Amino acid sequence: MEFEYEQFRINAACLEEGGHYYARAKIFHRSSDDDNAREVKWSGDIGDYRSDADAVEAARQWAVKWCDEHRT
């Protein structure tokens, strides 16, 4: 799931491996003067979840919280 949040672009996803779903997120900072975005944070594996939807939601929540704490 990719979406815009404040001045960030977030890619919340999951990695499926062996029946487990691992939450992950990448956060990009959007520049106000052009369309380029640079990666500012990668979460690594956030946790192991029962479904891909649960993993993506956990990644989304983690990313939004990180963005709220690092807003400029």
PDB file of N, CA and C in Angstrom:
ATOM      1  N   MET A   1       0.846  -1.152   0.000  1.00  0.00           N
ATOM      2  CA  MET A   1       0.000   0.000   0.000  1.00  0.00           C
ATOM      3  C   MET A   1       0.905   1.231   0.000  1.00  0.00           C
ATOM      4  N   GLU A   2       0.721   2.046  -0.993  1.00  0.00           N
ATOM      5  CA  GLU A   2       1.505   3.274  -1.081  1.00  0.00           C
ATOM      6  C   GLU A   2       0.547   4.449  -0.941  1.00  0.00           C
ATOM      7  N   PHE A   3       0.920   5.426  -0.087  1.00  0.00           N
ATOM      8  CA  PHE A   3       0.049   6.575   0.112  1.00  0.00           C
ATOM      9  C   PHE A   3       0.850   7.780   0.561  1.00  0.00           C
ATOM     10  N   GLU A   4       0.233   8.939   0.432  1.00  0.00           N
ATOM     11  CA  GLU A   4       0.831  10.211   0.839  1.00  0.00           C
ATOM     12  C   GLU A   4       0.356  10.532   2.246  1.00  0.00           C
ATOM     13  N   TYR A   5       1.272  11.053   3.068  1.00  0.00           N
ATOM     14  CA  TYR A   5       0.933  11.477   4.424  1.00  0.00           C
ATOM     15  C   TYR A   5       1.804  12.675   4.772  1.00  0.00           C
ATOM     16  N   GLU A   6       1.146  13.817   5.002  1.00  0.00           N
ATOM     17  CA  GLU A   6       1.867  15.064   5.262  1.00  0.00           C
ATOM     18  C   GLU A   6       2.876  15.291   4.134  1.00  0.00           C
ATOM     19  N   GLN A   7       4.155  15.521   4.467  1.00  0.00           N
ATOM     20  CA  GLN A   7       5.178  15.731   3.436  1.00  0.00           C
ATOM     21  C   GLN A   7       5.903  14.427   3.082  1.00  0.00           C
ATOM     22  N   PHE A   8       5.304  13.301   3.430  1.00  0.00           N
ATOM     23  CA  PHE A   8       5.923  12.001   3.209  1.00  0.00           C
ATOM     24  C   PHE A   8       5.121  11.146   2.225  1.00  0.00           C
ATOM     25  N   ARG A   9       5.812  10.225   1.599  1.00  0.00           N
ATOM     26  CA  ARG A   9       5.177   9.156   0.833  1.00  0.00           C
ATOM     27  C   ARG A   9       5.550   7.867   1.541  1.00  0.00           C
ATOM     28  N   ILE A  10       4.577   7.036   1.823  1.00  0.00           N
ATOM     29  CA  ILE A  10       4.779   5.817   2.594  1.00  0.00           C
ATOM     30  C   ILE A  10       4.458   4.606   1.739  1.00  0.00           C
ATOM     31  N   ASN A  11       5.331   3.614   1.831  1.00  0.00           N
ATOM     32  CA  ASN A  11       5.073   2.324   1.210  1.00  0.00           C
ATOM     33  C   ASN A  11       5.010   1.296   2.337  1.00  0.00           C
ATOM     34  N   ALA A  12       3.795   0.893   2.696  1.00  0.00           N
ATOM     35  CA  ALA A  12       3.577  -0.104   3.744  1.00  0.00           C
ATOM     36  C   ALA A  12       3.338  -1.446   3.053  1.00  0.00           C
ATOM     37  N   ALA A  13       4.093  -2.457   3.446  1.00  0.00           N
ATOM     38  CA  ALA A  13       4.018  -3.733   2.746  1.00  0.00           C
ATOM     39  C   ALA A  13       4.282  -4.883   3.708  1.00  0.00           C
ATOM     40  N   CYS A  14       4.214  -6.080   3.152  1.00  0.00           N
ATOM     41  CA  CYS A  14       4.570  -7.243   3.951  1.00  0.00           C
ATOM     42  C   CYS A  14       5.413  -8.190   3.105  1.00  0.00           C
ATOM     43  N   LEU A  15       6.180  -8.972   3.798  1.00  0.00           N
ATOM     44  CA  LEU A  15       6.979 -10.025   3.176  1.00  0.00           C
ATOM     45  C   LEU A  15       6.391 -11.337   3.660  1.00  0.00           C
ATOM     46  N   GLU A  16       5.958 -12.182   2.711  1.00  0.00           N
ATOM     47  CA  GLU A  16       5.444 -13.496   3.074  1.00  0.00           C
ATOM     48  C   GLU A  16       6.571 -14.505   2.944  1.00  0.00           C
ATOM     49  N   GLU A  17       6.785 -15.230   4.012  1.00  0.00           N
ATOM     50  CA  GLU A  17       7.858 -16.225   4.009  1.00  0.00           C
ATOM     51  C   GLU A  17       7.460 -17.380   4.918  1.00  0.00           C
ATOM     52  N   GLY A  18       7.308 -18.546   4.334  1.00  0.00           N
ATOM     53  CA  GLY A  18       7.008 -19.738   5.121  1.00  0.00           C
ATOM     54  C   GLY A  18       5.712 -19.664   5.904  1.00  0.00           C
ATOM     55  N   GLY A  19       4.700 -19.021   5.337  1.00  0.00           N
ATOM     56  CA  GLY A  19       3.426 -18.907   6.025  1.00  0.00           C
ATOM     57  C   GLY A  19       3.364 -17.797   7.051  1.00  0.00           C
ATOM     58  N   HIS A  20       4.403 -17.003   7.143  1.00  0.00           N
ATOM     59  CA  HIS A  20       4.441 -15.862   8.062  1.00  0.00           C
ATOM     60  C   HIS A  20       4.412 -14.579   7.243  1.00  0.00           C
ATOM     61  N   TYR A  21       3.832 -13.540   7.820  1.00  0.00           N
ATOM     62  CA  TYR A  21       3.730 -12.242   7.149  1.00  0.00           C
ATOM     63  C   TYR A  21       4.446 -11.207   8.007  1.00  0.00           C
ATOM     64  N   TYR A  22       5.497 -10.632   7.451  1.00  0.00           N
ATOM     65  CA  TYR A  22       6.328  -9.668   8.167  1.00  0.00           C
ATOM     66  C   TYR A  22       6.022  -8.254   7.673  1.00  0.00           C
ATOM     67  N   ALA A  23       5.692  -7.370   8.601  1.00  0.00           N
ATOM     68  CA  ALA A  23       5.381  -5.987   8.270  1.00  0.00           C
ATOM     69  C   ALA A  23       6.660  -5.209   7.999  1.00  0.00           C
ATOM     70  N   ARG A  24       6.596  -4.360   6.981  1.00  0.00           N
ATOM     71  CA  ARG A  24       7.729  -3.497   6.608  1.00  0.00           C
ATOM     72  C   ARG A  24       7.201  -2.183   6.061  1.00  0.00           C
ATOM     73  N   ALA A  25       7.980  -1.139   6.222  1.00  0.00           N
ATOM     74  CA  ALA A  25       7.586   0.156   5.664  1.00  0.00           C
ATOM     75  C   ALA A  25       8.810   0.917   5.187  1.00  0.00           C
ATOM     76  N   LYS A  26       8.624   1.660   4.105  1.00  0.00           N
ATOM     77  CA  LYS A  26       9.625   2.610   3.627  1.00  0.00           C
ATOM     78  C   LYS A  26       8.961   3.974   3.616  1.00  0.00           C
ATOM     79  N   ILE A  27       9.704   4.959   4.083  1.00  0.00           N
ATOM     80  CA  ILE A  27       9.184   6.321   4.142  1.00  0.00           C
ATOM     81  C   ILE A  27      10.088   7.212   3.297  1.00  0.00           C
ATOM     82  N   PHE A  28       9.454   8.001   2.454  1.00  0.00           N
ATOM     83  CA  PHE A  28      10.160   8.916   1.564  1.00  0.00           C
ATOM     84  C   PHE A  28       9.723  10.333   1.892  1.00  0.00           C
ATOM     85  N   HIS A  29      10.661  11.269   1.845  1.00  0.00           N
ATOM     86  CA  HIS A  29      10.333  12.682   2.055  1.00  0.00           C
ATOM     87  C   HIS A  29      10.138  13.311   0.682  1.00  0.00           C
ATOM     88  N   ARG A  30       8.997  13.941   0.512  1.00  0.00           N
ATOM     89  CA  ARG A  30       8.702  14.620  -0.756  1.00  0.00           C
ATOM     90  C   ARG A  30       9.245  16.035  -0.699  1.00  0.00           C
ATOM     91  N   SER A  31       9.875  16.436  -1.756  1.00  0.00           N
ATOM     92  CA  SER A  31      10.358  17.805  -1.858  1.00  0.00           C
ATOM     93  C   SER A  31       9.209  18.683  -2.348  1.00  0.00           C
ATOM     94  N   SER A  32       9.069  19.864  -1.790  1.00  0.00           N
ATOM     95  CA  SER A  32       7.968  20.744  -2.177  1.00  0.00           C
ATOM     96  C   SER A  32       8.185  21.392  -3.540  1.00  0.00           C
ATOM     97  N   ASP A  33       9.432  21.474  -3.994  1.00  0.00           N
ATOM     98  CA  ASP A  33       9.702  22.176  -5.244  1.00  0.00           C
ATOM     99  C   ASP A  33       9.820  21.263  -6.463  1.00  0.00           C
ATOM    100  N   ASP A  34       9.799  19.954  -6.294  1.00  0.00           N
ATOM    101  CA  ASP A  34       9.821  19.055  -7.445  1.00  0.00           C
ATOM    102  C   ASP A  34       9.133  17.744  -7.076  1.00  0.00           C
ATOM    103  N   ASP A  35       9.132  16.824  -8.010  1.00  0.00           N
ATOM    104  CA  ASP A  35       8.422  15.565  -7.812  1.00  0.00           C
ATOM    105  C   ASP A  35       9.302  14.463  -7.222  1.00  0.00           C
ATOM    106  N   ASN A  36      10.558  14.770  -6.936  1.00  0.00           N
ATOM    107  CA  ASN A  36      11.470  13.755  -6.416  1.00  0.00           C
ATOM    108  C   ASN A  36      11.209  13.495  -4.939  1.00  0.00           C
ATOM    109  N   ALA A  37      11.413  12.254  -4.558  1.00  0.00           N
ATOM    110  CA  ALA A  37      11.273  11.877  -3.152  1.00  0.00           C
ATOM    111  C   ALA A  37      12.498  11.066  -2.777  1.00  0.00           C
ATOM    112  N   ARG A  38      13.040  11.338  -1.596  1.00  0.00           N
ATOM    113  CA  ARG A  38      14.206  10.573  -1.160  1.00  0.00           C
ATOM    114  C   ARG A  38      13.826   9.737   0.047  1.00  0.00           C
ATOM    115  N   GLU A  39      14.361   8.526   0.082  1.00  0.00           N
ATOM    116  CA  GLU A  39      14.063   7.636   1.189  1.00  0.00           C
ATOM    117  C   GLU A  39      14.715   8.170   2.452  1.00  0.00           C
ATOM    118  N   VAL A  40      13.936   8.220   3.523  1.00  0.00           N
ATOM    119  CA  VAL A  40      14.468   8.717   4.789  1.00  0.00           C
ATOM    120  C   VAL A  40      14.441   7.666   5.892  1.00  0.00           C
ATOM    121  N   LYS A  41      13.616   6.634   5.731  1.00  0.00           N
ATOM    122  CA  LYS A  41      13.528   5.628   6.784  1.00  0.00           C
ATOM    123  C   LYS A  41      13.037   4.312   6.206  1.00  0.00           C
ATOM    124  N   TRP A  42      13.676   3.247   6.621  1.00  0.00           N
ATOM    125  CA  TRP A  42      13.229   1.894   6.314  1.00  0.00           C
ATOM    126  C   TRP A  42      13.060   1.198   7.645  1.00  0.00           C
ATOM    127  N   SER A  43      11.942   0.552   7.827  1.00  0.00           N
ATOM    128  CA  SER A  43      11.615  -0.004   9.136  1.00  0.00           C
ATOM    129  C   SER A  43      12.340  -1.296   9.460  1.00  0.00           C
ATOM    130  N   GLY A  44      12.723  -2.054   8.441  1.00  0.00           N
ATOM    131  CA  GLY A  44      13.135  -3.422   8.700  1.00  0.00           C
ATOM    132  C   GLY A  44      11.881  -4.215   9.028  1.00  0.00           C
ATOM    133  N   ASP A  45      12.019  -5.410   9.543  1.00  0.00           N
ATOM    134  CA  ASP A  45      10.851  -6.213   9.905  1.00  0.00           C
ATOM    135  C   ASP A  45      10.267  -5.689  11.207  1.00  0.00           C
ATOM    136  N   ILE A  46       9.005  -5.280  11.169  1.00  0.00           N
ATOM    137  CA  ILE A  46       8.337  -4.716  12.342  1.00  0.00           C
ATOM    138  C   ILE A  46       7.761  -5.817  13.219  1.00  0.00           C
ATOM    139  N   GLY A  47       7.271  -6.861  12.604  1.00  0.00           N
ATOM    140  CA  GLY A  47       6.686  -7.954  13.376  1.00  0.00           C
ATOM    141  C   GLY A  47       6.138  -9.028  12.468  1.00  0.00           C
ATOM    142  N   ASP A  48       5.704 -10.112  13.070  1.00  0.00           N
ATOM    143  CA  ASP A  48       5.170 -11.283  12.385  1.00  0.00           C
ATOM    144  C   ASP A  48       3.661 -11.307  12.624  1.00  0.00           C
ATOM    145  N   TYR A  49       2.862 -11.373  11.540  1.00  0.00           N
ATOM    146  CA  TYR A  49       1.412 -11.279  11.652  1.00  0.00           C
ATOM    147  C   TYR A  49       0.721 -12.461  10.986  1.00  0.00           C
ATOM    148  N   ARG A  50      -0.551 -12.649  11.318  1.00  0.00           N
ATOM    149  CA  ARG A  50      -1.320 -13.795  10.817  1.00  0.00           C
ATOM    150  C   ARG A  50      -1.708 -13.684   9.351  1.00  0.00           C
ATOM    151  N   SER A  51      -1.824 -12.469   8.859  1.00  0.00           N
ATOM    152  CA  SER A  51      -2.244 -12.271   7.471  1.00  0.00           C
ATOM    153  C   SER A  51      -1.480 -11.120   6.850  1.00  0.00           C
ATOM    154  N   ASP A  52      -1.524 -11.063   5.522  1.00  0.00           N
ATOM    155  CA  ASP A  52      -0.871  -9.956   4.833  1.00  0.00           C
ATOM    156  C   ASP A  52      -1.559  -8.634   5.158  1.00  0.00           C
ATOM    157  N   ALA A  53      -2.882  -8.644   5.302  1.00  0.00           N
ATOM    158  CA  ALA A  53      -3.605  -7.413   5.640  1.00  0.00           C
ATOM    159  C   ALA A  53      -3.197  -6.897   7.019  1.00  0.00           C
ATOM    160  N   ASP A  54      -3.054  -7.800   7.992  1.00  0.00           N
ATOM    161  CA  ASP A  54      -2.613  -7.387   9.331  1.00  0.00           C
ATOM    162  C   ASP A  54      -1.205  -6.807   9.284  1.00  0.00           C
ATOM    163  N   ALA A  55      -0.337  -7.411   8.498  1.00  0.00           N
ATOM    164  CA  ALA A  55       1.045  -6.929   8.388  1.00  0.00           C
ATOM    165  C   ALA A  55       1.096  -5.550   7.745  1.00  0.00           C
ATOM    166  N   VAL A  56       0.338  -5.362   6.674  1.00  0.00           N
ATOM    167  CA  VAL A  56       0.323  -4.067   5.998  1.00  0.00           C
ATOM    168  C   VAL A  56      -0.237  -2.994   6.928  1.00  0.00           C
ATOM    169  N   GLU A  57      -1.290  -3.313   7.666  1.00  0.00           N
ATOM    170  CA  GLU A  57      -1.869  -2.337   8.599  1.00  0.00           C
ATOM    171  C   GLU A  57      -0.868  -1.981   9.706  1.00  0.00           C
ATOM    172  N   ALA A  58      -0.153  -2.955  10.214  1.00  0.00           N
ATOM    173  CA  ALA A  58       0.868  -2.676  11.236  1.00  0.00           C
ATOM    174  C   ALA A  58       1.968  -1.786  10.662  1.00  0.00           C
ATOM    175  N   ALA A  59       2.382  -2.039   9.433  1.00  0.00           N
ATOM    176  CA  ALA A  59       3.402  -1.213   8.786  1.00  0.00           C
ATOM    177  C   ALA A  59       2.886   0.206   8.581  1.00  0.00           C
ATOM    178  N   ARG A  60       1.623   0.339   8.177  1.00  0.00           N
ATOM    179  CA  ARG A  60       1.023   1.656   7.977  1.00  0.00           C
ATOM    180  C   ARG A  60       1.002   2.440   9.289  1.00  0.00           C
ATOM    181  N   GLN A  61       0.561   1.805  10.356  1.00  0.00           N
ATOM    182  CA  GLN A  61       0.504   2.474  11.655  1.00  0.00           C
ATOM    183  C   GLN A  61       1.892   2.878  12.139  1.00  0.00           C
ATOM    184  N   TRP A  62       2.875   2.002  11.971  1.00  0.00           N
ATOM    185  CA  TRP A  62       4.244   2.311  12.377  1.00  0.00           C
ATOM    186  C   TRP A  62       4.756   3.530  11.614  1.00  0.00           C
ATOM    187  N   ALA A  63       4.514   3.548  10.292  1.00  0.00           N
ATOM    188  CA  ALA A  63       5.020   4.636   9.457  1.00  0.00           C
ATOM    189  C   ALA A  63       4.363   5.966   9.802  1.00  0.00           C
ATOM    190  N   VAL A  64       3.058   5.973  10.007  1.00  0.00           N
ATOM    191  CA  VAL A  64       2.361   7.209  10.365  1.00  0.00           C
ATOM    192  C   VAL A  64       2.894   7.745  11.691  1.00  0.00           C
ATOM    193  N   LYS A  65       3.083   6.875  12.651  1.00  0.00           N
ATOM    194  CA  LYS A  65       3.632   7.304  13.949  1.00  0.00           C
ATOM    195  C   LYS A  65       5.033   7.900  13.771  1.00  0.00           C
ATOM    196  N   TRP A  66       5.880   7.241  12.964  1.00  0.00           N
ATOM    197  CA  TRP A  66       7.234   7.741  12.728  1.00  0.00           C
ATOM    198  C   TRP A  66       7.163   9.123  12.076  1.00  0.00           C
ATOM    199  N   CYS A  67       6.295   9.276  11.092  1.00  0.00           N
ATOM    200  CA  CYS A  67       6.163  10.568  10.403  1.00  0.00           C
ATOM    201  C   CYS A  67       5.708  11.661  11.360  1.00  0.00           C
ATOM    202  N   ASP A  68       4.735  11.341  12.216  1.00  0.00           N
ATOM    203  CA  ASP A  68       4.261  12.329  13.198  1.00  0.00           C
ATOM    204  C   ASP A  68       5.392  12.769  14.128  1.00  0.00           C
ATOM    205  N   GLU A  69       6.270  11.863  14.474  1.00  0.00           N
ATOM    206  CA  GLU A  69       7.372  12.192  15.375  1.00  0.00           C
ATOM    207  C   GLU A  69       8.519  12.930  14.689  1.00  0.00           C
ATOM    208  N   HIS A  70       8.584  12.857  13.345  1.00  0.00           N
ATOM    209  CA  HIS A  70       9.715  13.459  12.613  1.00  0.00           C
ATOM    210  C   HIS A  70       9.268  14.509  11.597  1.00  0.00           C
ATOM    211  N   ARG A  71       8.134  15.069  11.806  1.00  0.00           N
ATOM    212  CA  ARG A  71       7.593  16.104  10.908  1.00  0.00           C
ATOM    213  C   ARG A  71       8.443  17.359  11.016  1.00  0.00           C
ATOM    214  N   THR A  72       8.652  18.003   9.876  1.00  0.00           N
ATOM    215  CA  THR A  72       9.431  19.263   9.899  1.00  0.00           C
ATOM    216  C   THR A  72       8.566  20.454   9.591  1.00  0.00           C
TER     217      THR A  72
END
